[in-house]
């Protein structure tokens, strides 16, 4: 897992578009992500602040977990994906 001060931009799965949307809601580092409630909390925050915009689960929820695990989002197990889905609104 990346250290708390690691910026999310540039981690596995986190490109400039995802990083910009996260920064717009105050999430810039791994520590910020943890304070937001982890991948599910960040996803819920993004969704709440993206009125009228689609917030794809695979590009945000799974990507954030993959960034923490240092794996491509598609490499997450089905069990891990189901667990994440139960945590979002």
Protein backbone atom coordinates (compact mmCIF):
# COMPACT_ATOMS: atom_id res chain seq x y z
CA UNK A 1 0.00 0.00 0.00
CA UNK A 2 1.31 3.49 -0.81
CA UNK A 3 2.25 5.74 2.11
CA UNK A 4 -0.25 8.24 3.53
CA UNK A 5 1.46 11.24 1.91
CA UNK A 6 1.51 9.66 -1.56
CA UNK A 7 -0.44 11.70 -4.09
CA UNK A 8 -3.12 9.69 -5.86
CA UNK A 9 -2.33 11.17 -9.27
CA UNK A 10 -0.03 8.73 -11.03
CA UNK A 11 -0.82 5.67 -8.93
CA UNK A 12 -2.07 2.58 -10.74
CA UNK A 13 -5.49 3.34 -12.31
CA UNK A 14 -5.39 7.05 -11.40
CA UNK A 15 -4.87 9.28 -14.41
CA UNK A 16 -5.36 13.03 -14.75
CA UNK A 17 -9.16 12.94 -15.15
CA UNK A 18 -9.81 10.81 -12.08
CA UNK A 19 -7.20 12.76 -10.09
CA UNK A 20 -8.85 16.08 -11.05
CA UNK A 21 -12.30 14.89 -9.99
CA UNK A 22 -10.90 13.61 -6.70
CA UNK A 23 -9.02 16.86 -6.06
CA UNK A 24 -12.22 18.81 -6.72
CA UNK A 25 -13.73 17.11 -3.64
CA UNK A 26 -10.57 17.49 -1.54
CA UNK A 27 -8.95 14.10 -2.08
CA UNK A 28 -5.33 14.44 -3.18
CA UNK A 29 -3.39 11.91 -1.12
CA UNK A 30 -3.78 8.41 0.26
CA UNK A 31 -4.40 10.02 3.68
CA UNK A 32 -7.22 12.11 2.19
CA UNK A 33 -8.70 8.95 0.69
CA UNK A 34 -8.63 7.22 4.07
CA UNK A 35 -10.27 10.23 5.77
CA UNK A 36 -13.03 10.15 3.15
CA UNK A 37 -13.84 6.56 4.12
CA UNK A 38 -11.63 4.71 1.65
CA UNK A 39 -12.63 3.90 -1.93
CA UNK A 40 -16.34 3.56 -1.11
CA UNK A 41 -16.46 6.83 0.84
CA UNK A 42 -14.64 8.64 -1.94
CA UNK A 43 -16.96 7.15 -4.56
CA UNK A 44 -20.02 8.26 -2.57
CA UNK A 45 -18.55 11.75 -2.22
CA UNK A 46 -17.82 11.96 -5.95
CA UNK A 47 -21.28 10.75 -6.81
CA UNK A 48 -22.91 13.26 -4.45
CA UNK A 49 -20.89 16.08 -6.02
CA UNK A 50 -21.40 15.06 -9.64
CA UNK A 51 -25.01 16.00 -10.28
CA UNK A 52 -26.03 14.87 -13.72
CA UNK A 53 -22.69 13.20 -14.42
CA UNK A 54 -22.08 9.49 -14.55
CA UNK A 55 -19.59 8.14 -12.01
CA UNK A 56 -18.67 4.68 -13.34
CA UNK A 57 -18.03 2.10 -10.64
CA UNK A 58 -15.11 0.52 -12.48
CA UNK A 59 -13.30 3.79 -13.13
CA UNK A 60 -13.70 5.19 -9.63
CA UNK A 61 -14.62 2.66 -6.95
CA UNK A 62 -12.58 -0.22 -8.32
CA UNK A 63 -9.78 2.04 -9.54
CA UNK A 64 -9.30 3.54 -6.10
CA UNK A 65 -9.11 0.13 -4.46
CA UNK A 66 -6.72 -1.05 -7.14
CA UNK A 67 -4.55 2.04 -6.57
CA UNK A 68 -4.27 1.16 -2.89
CA UNK A 69 -3.53 -2.48 -3.72
CA UNK A 70 -1.20 -1.48 -6.59
CA UNK A 71 -3.09 -3.59 -9.14
CA UNK A 72 -5.18 -2.85 -12.21
CA UNK A 73 -8.84 -2.44 -11.19
CA UNK A 74 -9.86 -5.39 -13.35
CA UNK A 75 -7.53 -7.65 -11.34
CA UNK A 76 -9.61 -7.21 -8.18
CA UNK A 77 -11.37 -10.43 -7.24
CA UNK A 78 -15.12 -10.77 -7.67
CA UNK A 79 -15.36 -11.05 -3.90
CA UNK A 80 -13.51 -7.75 -3.44
CA UNK A 81 -15.73 -6.04 -6.02
CA UNK A 82 -18.91 -7.34 -4.33
CA UNK A 83 -17.65 -6.10 -0.96
CA UNK A 84 -17.00 -2.64 -2.42
CA UNK A 85 -20.42 -2.53 -4.08
CA UNK A 86 -22.12 -3.24 -0.73
CA UNK A 87 -20.39 -0.16 0.70
CA UNK A 88 -21.68 2.42 -1.78
CA UNK A 89 -24.97 4.26 -1.93
